[in-house]
Amino acid sequence: MADRTTSSISITASGPAVMAVIADFAAYPQWATAVRSAEVAARGADGRPSLVRFSLDAGMIKDSYGLSYRWDDSGVHWDLAEPGSVISAMTGGYSLAGDSRGTEVTYELSVDLRVPLPGMLKRKAEKVIIDTALKGLKARVEGLRAQATAGSTHLDQDREEGAT
């Protein structure tokens, strides 16, 4: 499983705002297309999720599996802790770096299935998974940011109206 697929996207938000969405596993079904459920099964000493169980429905691939997580200041990385009936190995991670527009997020993934797949087809599938996840993450983070901005604008308007 040495080969990995990588892609990046720029998100107009701070690193902590992006990490908050990544760490909110209960909300994954709202923005991560194939994820049907994500349940935090264990937390580390720092309170962050250390084991998360997923139920996945990605068309031809339907599976349940568990991932172990390692968190640091620049992102999060995971490994397959509980293999599923289809997924036999998985490593990946999100790496975050601040840039002039917000946060550059790089997603790296390698997946092995119990069913043999030609390398080129496997990489193409990983690329689709990564690009879909990055677009969903961007939409979720920027959507929450827009809602928060709109909410504070409404609060400011309410204060102004109340002051008159």
N, C-alpha and C. Protein backbone atom coordinates (compact mmCIF):
# COMPACT_ATOMS: atom_id res chain seq x y z
N MET A 1 0.83 -1.19 0.00
CA MET A 1 0.00 0.00 0.00
C MET A 1 0.88 1.25 0.00
N ALA A 2 2.02 1.22 -0.66
CA ALA A 2 2.94 2.34 -0.67
C ALA A 2 2.44 3.51 -1.51
N ASP A 3 1.71 3.24 -2.59
CA ASP A 3 1.22 4.31 -3.46
C ASP A 3 0.08 5.05 -2.80
N ARG A 4 0.14 6.39 -2.88
CA ARG A 4 -0.90 7.23 -2.32
C ARG A 4 -1.38 8.20 -3.38
N THR A 5 -2.61 8.63 -3.24
CA THR A 5 -3.18 9.64 -4.11
C THR A 5 -3.35 10.91 -3.28
N THR A 6 -2.99 12.05 -3.86
CA THR A 6 -3.01 13.32 -3.13
C THR A 6 -3.67 14.41 -3.97
N SER A 7 -4.40 15.29 -3.30
CA SER A 7 -4.97 16.46 -3.95
C SER A 7 -5.13 17.56 -2.91
N SER A 8 -5.21 18.80 -3.37
CA SER A 8 -5.32 19.95 -2.46
C SER A 8 -6.42 20.90 -2.91
N ILE A 9 -6.88 21.70 -1.94
CA ILE A 9 -7.88 22.73 -2.23
C ILE A 9 -7.65 23.89 -1.25
N SER A 10 -7.97 25.09 -1.69
CA SER A 10 -7.88 26.27 -0.84
C SER A 10 -9.27 26.58 -0.28
N ILE A 11 -9.33 26.76 1.04
CA ILE A 11 -10.60 27.04 1.72
C ILE A 11 -10.50 28.42 2.37
N THR A 12 -11.50 29.24 2.14
CA THR A 12 -11.53 30.59 2.70
C THR A 12 -12.00 30.54 4.15
N ALA A 13 -11.09 30.11 5.02
CA ALA A 13 -11.38 30.01 6.45
C ALA A 13 -10.06 29.73 7.17
N SER A 14 -10.07 29.92 8.47
CA SER A 14 -8.87 29.65 9.26
C SER A 14 -8.65 28.15 9.43
N GLY A 15 -7.42 27.78 9.75
CA GLY A 15 -7.11 26.37 10.03
C GLY A 15 -7.98 25.78 11.13
N PRO A 16 -8.15 26.49 12.25
CA PRO A 16 -9.00 25.95 13.31
C PRO A 16 -10.45 25.73 12.86
N ALA A 17 -10.98 26.60 11.99
CA ALA A 17 -12.35 26.41 11.49
C ALA A 17 -12.43 25.16 10.63
N VAL A 18 -11.41 24.92 9.81
CA VAL A 18 -11.38 23.72 8.98
C VAL A 18 -11.25 22.48 9.86
N MET A 19 -10.36 22.52 10.85
CA MET A 19 -10.18 21.37 11.73
C MET A 19 -11.45 21.07 12.53
N ALA A 20 -12.20 22.09 12.89
CA ALA A 20 -13.45 21.87 13.63
C ALA A 20 -14.44 21.06 12.79
N VAL A 21 -14.50 21.33 11.49
CA VAL A 21 -15.40 20.57 10.60
C VAL A 21 -14.87 19.15 10.43
N ILE A 22 -13.55 19.00 10.26
CA ILE A 22 -12.96 17.67 10.11
C ILE A 22 -13.23 16.83 11.35
N ALA A 23 -13.18 17.43 12.53
CA ALA A 23 -13.35 16.69 13.79
C ALA A 23 -14.81 16.44 14.16
N ASP A 24 -15.75 17.06 13.44
CA ASP A 24 -17.18 16.89 13.73
C ASP A 24 -17.72 15.69 12.95
N PHE A 25 -17.35 14.50 13.40
CA PHE A 25 -17.69 13.28 12.68
C PHE A 25 -19.19 13.05 12.56
N ALA A 26 -19.96 13.44 13.57
CA ALA A 26 -21.41 13.23 13.52
C ALA A 26 -22.04 13.95 12.33
N ALA A 27 -21.41 15.03 11.86
CA ALA A 27 -21.95 15.80 10.74
C ALA A 27 -21.48 15.29 9.37
N TYR A 28 -20.59 14.32 9.32
CA TYR A 28 -20.08 13.84 8.03
C TYR A 28 -21.17 13.45 7.04
N PRO A 29 -22.23 12.77 7.46
CA PRO A 29 -23.26 12.41 6.47
C PRO A 29 -23.90 13.62 5.79
N GLN A 30 -23.77 14.81 6.38
CA GLN A 30 -24.33 16.03 5.79
C GLN A 30 -23.48 16.57 4.65
N TRP A 31 -22.17 16.24 4.65
CA TRP A 31 -21.31 16.81 3.62
C TRP A 31 -20.39 15.81 2.92
N ALA A 32 -20.13 14.68 3.52
CA ALA A 32 -19.28 13.65 2.91
C ALA A 32 -20.20 12.65 2.21
N THR A 33 -20.33 12.77 0.93
CA THR A 33 -21.35 12.12 0.12
C THR A 33 -21.61 10.66 0.45
N ALA A 34 -20.58 9.82 0.52
CA ALA A 34 -20.78 8.38 0.68
C ALA A 34 -20.91 7.93 2.13
N VAL A 35 -20.64 8.81 3.09
CA VAL A 35 -20.68 8.43 4.50
C VAL A 35 -22.13 8.43 4.97
N ARG A 36 -22.60 7.28 5.40
CA ARG A 36 -23.96 7.15 5.92
C ARG A 36 -24.00 7.42 7.43
N SER A 37 -22.93 7.05 8.15
CA SER A 37 -22.83 7.35 9.57
C SER A 37 -21.36 7.34 9.99
N ALA A 38 -21.07 8.11 11.04
CA ALA A 38 -19.73 8.16 11.62
C ALA A 38 -19.92 8.32 13.12
N GLU A 39 -19.41 7.36 13.87
CA GLU A 39 -19.60 7.35 15.32
C GLU A 39 -18.25 7.32 16.02
N VAL A 40 -18.02 8.29 16.91
CA VAL A 40 -16.79 8.31 17.70
C VAL A 40 -16.89 7.20 18.73
N ALA A 41 -15.98 6.23 18.65
CA ALA A 41 -15.99 5.07 19.54
C ALA A 41 -15.01 5.24 20.70
N ALA A 42 -14.00 6.08 20.54
CA ALA A 42 -13.02 6.32 21.61
C ALA A 42 -12.39 7.69 21.41
N ARG A 43 -11.95 8.27 22.53
CA ARG A 43 -11.28 9.56 22.52
C ARG A 43 -9.92 9.42 23.20
N GLY A 44 -8.96 10.23 22.73
CA GLY A 44 -7.64 10.25 23.33
C GLY A 44 -7.63 11.08 24.60
N ALA A 45 -6.48 11.15 25.24
CA ALA A 45 -6.32 11.93 26.47
C ALA A 45 -6.62 13.41 26.24
N ASP A 46 -6.42 13.88 25.01
CA ASP A 46 -6.68 15.29 24.68
C ASP A 46 -8.16 15.56 24.37
N GLY A 47 -8.99 14.50 24.40
CA GLY A 47 -10.41 14.66 24.13
C GLY A 47 -10.79 14.53 22.66
N ARG A 48 -9.80 14.46 21.79
CA ARG A 48 -10.08 14.32 20.36
C ARG A 48 -10.41 12.87 20.02
N PRO A 49 -11.21 12.65 18.99
CA PRO A 49 -11.54 11.28 18.59
C PRO A 49 -10.27 10.49 18.23
N SER A 50 -10.17 9.28 18.75
CA SER A 50 -9.03 8.42 18.43
C SER A 50 -9.46 7.18 17.65
N LEU A 51 -10.75 6.82 17.73
CA LEU A 51 -11.30 5.71 16.95
C LEU A 51 -12.70 6.10 16.50
N VAL A 52 -12.93 6.03 15.19
CA VAL A 52 -14.23 6.38 14.64
C VAL A 52 -14.69 5.25 13.74
N ARG A 53 -15.95 4.85 13.92
CA ARG A 53 -16.54 3.79 13.09
C ARG A 53 -17.43 4.42 12.03
N PHE A 54 -17.22 3.99 10.80
CA PHE A 54 -17.94 4.53 9.65
C PHE A 54 -18.81 3.48 8.99
N SER A 55 -19.92 3.94 8.42
CA SER A 55 -20.74 3.14 7.52
C SER A 55 -20.71 3.90 6.19
N LEU A 56 -20.32 3.19 5.14
CA LEU A 56 -20.08 3.80 3.84
C LEU A 56 -20.98 3.17 2.79
N ASP A 57 -21.53 4.01 1.91
CA ASP A 57 -22.29 3.52 0.76
C ASP A 57 -21.85 4.36 -0.44
N ALA A 58 -20.87 3.81 -1.18
CA ALA A 58 -20.31 4.50 -2.34
C ALA A 58 -20.67 3.73 -3.60
N GLY A 59 -21.95 3.53 -3.81
CA GLY A 59 -22.39 2.79 -5.00
C GLY A 59 -22.08 1.31 -4.87
N MET A 60 -21.08 0.87 -5.61
CA MET A 60 -20.72 -0.55 -5.59
C MET A 60 -20.03 -0.96 -4.30
N ILE A 61 -19.47 0.00 -3.56
CA ILE A 61 -18.78 -0.32 -2.31
C ILE A 61 -19.64 0.11 -1.13
N LYS A 62 -20.10 -0.87 -0.40
CA LYS A 62 -20.85 -0.65 0.84
C LYS A 62 -20.07 -1.37 1.92
N ASP A 63 -19.73 -0.66 3.01
CA ASP A 63 -18.89 -1.28 4.02
C ASP A 63 -19.01 -0.53 5.34
N SER A 64 -18.58 -1.19 6.40
CA SER A 64 -18.43 -0.58 7.72
C SER A 64 -17.02 -0.88 8.19
N TYR A 65 -16.37 0.10 8.77
CA TYR A 65 -14.97 -0.04 9.18
C TYR A 65 -14.65 1.00 10.26
N GLY A 66 -13.51 0.83 10.92
CA GLY A 66 -13.08 1.77 11.95
C GLY A 66 -11.71 2.34 11.62
N LEU A 67 -11.54 3.63 11.87
CA LEU A 67 -10.26 4.30 11.63
C LEU A 67 -9.70 4.82 12.94
N SER A 68 -8.38 4.65 13.13
CA SER A 68 -7.71 5.25 14.28
C SER A 68 -7.08 6.57 13.82
N TYR A 69 -7.19 7.58 14.67
CA TYR A 69 -6.77 8.94 14.32
C TYR A 69 -5.62 9.42 15.18
N ARG A 70 -4.72 10.19 14.52
CA ARG A 70 -3.62 10.89 15.19
C ARG A 70 -3.71 12.36 14.79
N TRP A 71 -3.81 13.22 15.78
CA TRP A 71 -4.00 14.65 15.54
C TRP A 71 -2.72 15.40 15.88
N ASP A 72 -2.43 16.45 15.12
CA ASP A 72 -1.34 17.36 15.47
C ASP A 72 -1.73 18.77 15.03
N ASP A 73 -0.84 19.72 15.23
CA ASP A 73 -1.17 21.12 14.94
C ASP A 73 -1.42 21.40 13.46
N SER A 74 -0.89 20.56 12.58
CA SER A 74 -1.02 20.85 11.15
C SER A 74 -1.97 19.91 10.43
N GLY A 75 -2.70 19.07 11.18
CA GLY A 75 -3.66 18.20 10.52
C GLY A 75 -4.01 16.96 11.31
N VAL A 76 -4.50 15.97 10.57
CA VAL A 76 -4.92 14.72 11.18
C VAL A 76 -4.60 13.59 10.20
N HIS A 77 -4.22 12.44 10.75
CA HIS A 77 -3.88 11.28 9.94
C HIS A 77 -4.59 10.06 10.51
N TRP A 78 -4.90 9.11 9.64
CA TRP A 78 -5.63 7.93 10.11
C TRP A 78 -5.10 6.66 9.45
N ASP A 79 -5.41 5.55 10.12
CA ASP A 79 -5.10 4.20 9.63
C ASP A 79 -6.31 3.33 9.91
N LEU A 80 -6.47 2.30 9.11
CA LEU A 80 -7.56 1.36 9.33
C LEU A 80 -7.30 0.56 10.60
N ALA A 81 -8.21 0.64 11.55
CA ALA A 81 -8.09 -0.09 12.82
C ALA A 81 -9.00 -1.31 12.83
N GLU A 82 -10.13 -1.19 12.16
CA GLU A 82 -11.12 -2.27 12.09
C GLU A 82 -11.50 -2.48 10.63
N PRO A 83 -10.88 -3.46 9.96
CA PRO A 83 -11.20 -3.68 8.55
C PRO A 83 -12.67 -4.02 8.35
N GLY A 84 -13.14 -3.71 7.17
CA GLY A 84 -14.51 -4.03 6.81
C GLY A 84 -14.56 -5.29 5.97
N SER A 85 -15.71 -5.55 5.39
CA SER A 85 -15.85 -6.73 4.54
C SER A 85 -15.27 -6.47 3.15
N VAL A 86 -15.14 -5.20 2.75
CA VAL A 86 -14.59 -4.84 1.44
C VAL A 86 -13.24 -4.14 1.59
N ILE A 87 -13.15 -3.19 2.53
CA ILE A 87 -11.92 -2.42 2.73
C ILE A 87 -10.97 -3.21 3.62
N SER A 88 -9.76 -3.48 3.10
CA SER A 88 -8.79 -4.28 3.85
C SER A 88 -7.64 -3.45 4.41
N ALA A 89 -7.40 -2.27 3.87
CA ALA A 89 -6.34 -1.39 4.36
C ALA A 89 -6.66 0.04 3.94
N MET A 90 -6.30 0.99 4.81
CA MET A 90 -6.51 2.40 4.48
C MET A 90 -5.59 3.24 5.35
N THR A 91 -4.92 4.19 4.72
CA THR A 91 -4.18 5.23 5.43
C THR A 91 -4.50 6.53 4.72
N GLY A 92 -4.46 7.61 5.47
CA GLY A 92 -4.73 8.89 4.86
C GLY A 92 -4.58 10.02 5.84
N GLY A 93 -4.90 11.20 5.38
CA GLY A 93 -4.83 12.34 6.26
C GLY A 93 -5.13 13.65 5.56
N TYR A 94 -5.46 14.63 6.39
CA TYR A 94 -5.61 16.01 5.95
C TYR A 94 -4.44 16.78 6.55
N SER A 95 -3.71 17.52 5.72
CA SER A 95 -2.66 18.42 6.18
C SER A 95 -3.10 19.83 5.86
N LEU A 96 -2.98 20.73 6.83
CA LEU A 96 -3.43 22.11 6.67
C LEU A 96 -2.25 23.07 6.73
N ALA A 97 -2.29 24.10 5.89
CA ALA A 97 -1.28 25.15 5.89
C ALA A 97 -1.96 26.47 5.57
N GLY A 98 -1.68 27.49 6.35
CA GLY A 98 -2.25 28.80 6.09
C GLY A 98 -1.70 29.38 4.79
N ASP A 99 -2.56 30.07 4.04
CA ASP A 99 -2.11 30.78 2.85
C ASP A 99 -2.81 32.13 2.81
N SER A 100 -2.55 32.91 1.77
CA SER A 100 -3.06 34.28 1.71
C SER A 100 -4.59 34.34 1.64
N ARG A 101 -5.23 33.25 1.20
CA ARG A 101 -6.69 33.24 1.06
C ARG A 101 -7.38 32.51 2.21
N GLY A 102 -6.64 31.88 3.08
CA GLY A 102 -7.25 31.11 4.16
C GLY A 102 -6.41 29.91 4.52
N THR A 103 -6.85 28.72 4.12
CA THR A 103 -6.15 27.48 4.47
C THR A 103 -6.06 26.57 3.26
N GLU A 104 -4.86 26.10 2.98
CA GLU A 104 -4.64 25.11 1.94
C GLU A 104 -4.75 23.74 2.60
N VAL A 105 -5.68 22.92 2.11
CA VAL A 105 -5.91 21.59 2.69
C VAL A 105 -5.45 20.54 1.67
N THR A 106 -4.57 19.66 2.10
CA THR A 106 -4.10 18.56 1.26
C THR A 106 -4.62 17.26 1.85
N TYR A 107 -5.24 16.47 1.01
CA TYR A 107 -5.81 15.18 1.41
C TYR A 107 -4.98 14.10 0.73
N GLU A 108 -4.50 13.17 1.52
CA GLU A 108 -3.70 12.06 1.02
C GLU A 108 -4.42 10.76 1.40
N LEU A 109 -4.51 9.81 0.47
CA LEU A 109 -5.27 8.59 0.72
C LEU A 109 -4.68 7.40 -0.01
N SER A 110 -4.70 6.26 0.65
CA SER A 110 -4.38 4.98 0.04
C SER A 110 -5.36 3.96 0.60
N VAL A 111 -6.04 3.25 -0.29
CA VAL A 111 -7.05 2.27 0.10
C VAL A 111 -6.77 0.95 -0.61
N ASP A 112 -6.88 -0.14 0.11
CA ASP A 112 -6.83 -1.47 -0.50
C ASP A 112 -8.15 -2.17 -0.23
N LEU A 113 -8.63 -2.86 -1.25
CA LEU A 113 -9.88 -3.61 -1.15
C LEU A 113 -9.59 -5.10 -1.18
N ARG A 114 -10.49 -5.87 -0.62
CA ARG A 114 -10.35 -7.33 -0.65
C ARG A 114 -10.48 -7.87 -2.07
N VAL A 115 -11.15 -7.12 -2.92
CA VAL A 115 -11.30 -7.48 -4.32
C VAL A 115 -10.14 -6.83 -5.08
N PRO A 116 -9.37 -7.61 -5.83
CA PRO A 116 -8.25 -7.01 -6.56
C PRO A 116 -8.73 -6.01 -7.60
N LEU A 117 -7.99 -4.89 -7.68
CA LEU A 117 -8.31 -3.83 -8.64
C LEU A 117 -7.02 -3.41 -9.32
N PRO A 118 -7.02 -3.23 -10.62
CA PRO A 118 -5.81 -2.74 -11.30
C PRO A 118 -5.38 -1.40 -10.72
N GLY A 119 -4.06 -1.18 -10.63
CA GLY A 119 -3.51 0.03 -10.02
C GLY A 119 -4.08 1.32 -10.57
N MET A 120 -4.21 1.42 -11.90
CA MET A 120 -4.72 2.65 -12.51
C MET A 120 -6.18 2.90 -12.10
N LEU A 121 -6.98 1.88 -12.05
CA LEU A 121 -8.38 2.01 -11.66
C LEU A 121 -8.49 2.38 -10.18
N LYS A 122 -7.62 1.78 -9.36
CA LYS A 122 -7.60 2.08 -7.93
C LYS A 122 -7.25 3.55 -7.69
N ARG A 123 -6.23 4.07 -8.38
CA ARG A 123 -5.84 5.47 -8.22
C ARG A 123 -6.96 6.41 -8.68
N LYS A 124 -7.62 6.05 -9.76
CA LYS A 124 -8.73 6.87 -10.25
C LYS A 124 -9.86 6.93 -9.21
N ALA A 125 -10.17 5.79 -8.60
CA ALA A 125 -11.20 5.75 -7.56
C ALA A 125 -10.79 6.59 -6.36
N GLU A 126 -9.50 6.49 -5.94
CA GLU A 126 -9.02 7.30 -4.82
C GLU A 126 -9.11 8.79 -5.16
N LYS A 127 -8.78 9.15 -6.39
CA LYS A 127 -8.84 10.55 -6.82
C LYS A 127 -10.27 11.08 -6.74
N VAL A 128 -11.24 10.28 -7.17
CA VAL A 128 -12.64 10.69 -7.09
C VAL A 128 -13.05 10.87 -5.63
N ILE A 129 -12.65 9.93 -4.76
CA ILE A 129 -12.96 10.03 -3.32
C ILE A 129 -12.37 11.31 -2.74
N ILE A 130 -11.10 11.55 -3.02
CA ILE A 130 -10.41 12.73 -2.47
C ILE A 130 -11.04 14.02 -2.97
N ASP A 131 -11.24 14.14 -4.28
CA ASP A 131 -11.80 15.37 -4.83
C ASP A 131 -13.21 15.64 -4.32
N THR A 132 -14.01 14.59 -4.20
CA THR A 132 -15.36 14.74 -3.66
C THR A 132 -15.31 15.18 -2.20
N ALA A 133 -14.41 14.58 -1.42
CA ALA A 133 -14.28 14.94 0.00
C ALA A 133 -13.80 16.37 0.16
N LEU A 134 -12.80 16.78 -0.63
CA LEU A 134 -12.29 18.15 -0.52
C LEU A 134 -13.35 19.18 -0.91
N LYS A 135 -14.10 18.92 -1.96
CA LYS A 135 -15.16 19.85 -2.37
C LYS A 135 -16.25 19.91 -1.30
N GLY A 136 -16.60 18.76 -0.71
CA GLY A 136 -17.59 18.75 0.36
C GLY A 136 -17.11 19.48 1.59
N LEU A 137 -15.82 19.28 1.96
CA LEU A 137 -15.23 19.96 3.11
C LEU A 137 -15.25 21.47 2.88
N LYS A 138 -14.82 21.90 1.71
CA LYS A 138 -14.81 23.33 1.38
C LYS A 138 -16.22 23.94 1.48
N ALA A 139 -17.19 23.27 0.88
CA ALA A 139 -18.57 23.77 0.92
C ALA A 139 -19.08 23.84 2.35
N ARG A 140 -18.78 22.83 3.16
CA ARG A 140 -19.24 22.81 4.54
C ARG A 140 -18.60 23.94 5.36
N VAL A 141 -17.27 24.07 5.28
CA VAL A 141 -16.56 25.09 6.06
C VAL A 141 -17.01 26.49 5.64
N GLU A 142 -17.01 26.74 4.34
CA GLU A 142 -17.36 28.08 3.86
C GLU A 142 -18.84 28.37 4.07
N GLY A 143 -19.69 27.34 4.02
CA GLY A 143 -21.11 27.52 4.30
C GLY A 143 -21.36 27.88 5.75
N LEU A 144 -20.66 27.21 6.67
CA LEU A 144 -20.80 27.54 8.09
C LEU A 144 -20.27 28.94 8.37
N ARG A 145 -19.19 29.30 7.69
CA ARG A 145 -18.61 30.64 7.85
C ARG A 145 -19.60 31.70 7.38
N ALA A 146 -20.25 31.46 6.25
CA ALA A 146 -21.24 32.40 5.71
C ALA A 146 -22.44 32.53 6.66
N GLN A 147 -22.87 31.39 7.22
CA GLN A 147 -23.99 31.42 8.18
C GLN A 147 -23.61 32.23 9.41
N ALA A 148 -22.38 32.04 9.90
CA ALA A 148 -21.94 32.78 11.09
C ALA A 148 -21.86 34.27 10.79
N THR A 149 -21.36 34.62 9.61
CA THR A 149 -21.26 36.02 9.22
C THR A 149 -22.65 36.63 9.08
N ALA A 150 -23.56 35.91 8.45
CA ALA A 150 -24.94 36.40 8.30
C ALA A 150 -25.59 36.55 9.66
N GLY A 151 -25.34 35.61 10.55
CA GLY A 151 -25.91 35.68 11.90
C GLY A 151 -25.41 36.88 12.66
N SER A 152 -24.10 37.19 12.54
CA SER A 152 -23.58 38.35 13.26
C SER A 152 -24.08 39.64 12.63
N THR A 153 -24.31 39.65 11.32
CA THR A 153 -24.88 40.83 10.65
C THR A 153 -26.29 41.09 11.15
N HIS A 154 -27.08 40.00 11.29
CA HIS A 154 -28.44 40.15 11.81
C HIS A 154 -28.41 40.63 13.26
N LEU A 155 -27.46 40.14 14.06
CA LEU A 155 -27.35 40.60 15.45
C LEU A 155 -27.01 42.09 15.48
N ASP A 156 -26.07 42.52 14.61
CA ASP A 156 -25.72 43.93 14.56
C ASP A 156 -26.92 44.78 14.16
N GLN A 157 -27.73 44.31 13.18
CA GLN A 157 -28.91 45.04 12.75
C GLN A 157 -29.93 45.11 13.89
N ASP A 158 -30.10 43.98 14.59
CA ASP A 158 -31.04 43.96 15.72
C ASP A 158 -30.61 44.94 16.80
N ARG A 159 -29.30 45.00 17.07
CA ARG A 159 -28.79 45.94 18.09
C ARG A 159 -29.07 47.37 17.66
N GLU A 160 -28.79 47.66 16.37
CA GLU A 160 -29.01 49.02 15.86
C GLU A 160 -30.48 49.38 15.95
N GLU A 161 -31.37 48.47 15.58
CA GLU A 161 -32.81 48.75 15.63
C GLU A 161 -33.27 48.92 17.06
N GLY A 162 -32.69 48.14 17.99
CA GLY A 162 -33.06 48.23 19.39
C GLY A 162 -32.57 49.51 20.04
N ALA A 163 -31.50 50.09 19.47
CA ALA A 163 -30.92 51.31 20.05
C ALA A 163 -31.70 52.55 19.64
N THR A 164 -32.53 52.43 18.61
CA THR A 164 -33.25 53.64 18.15
C THR A 164 -34.58 53.78 18.80
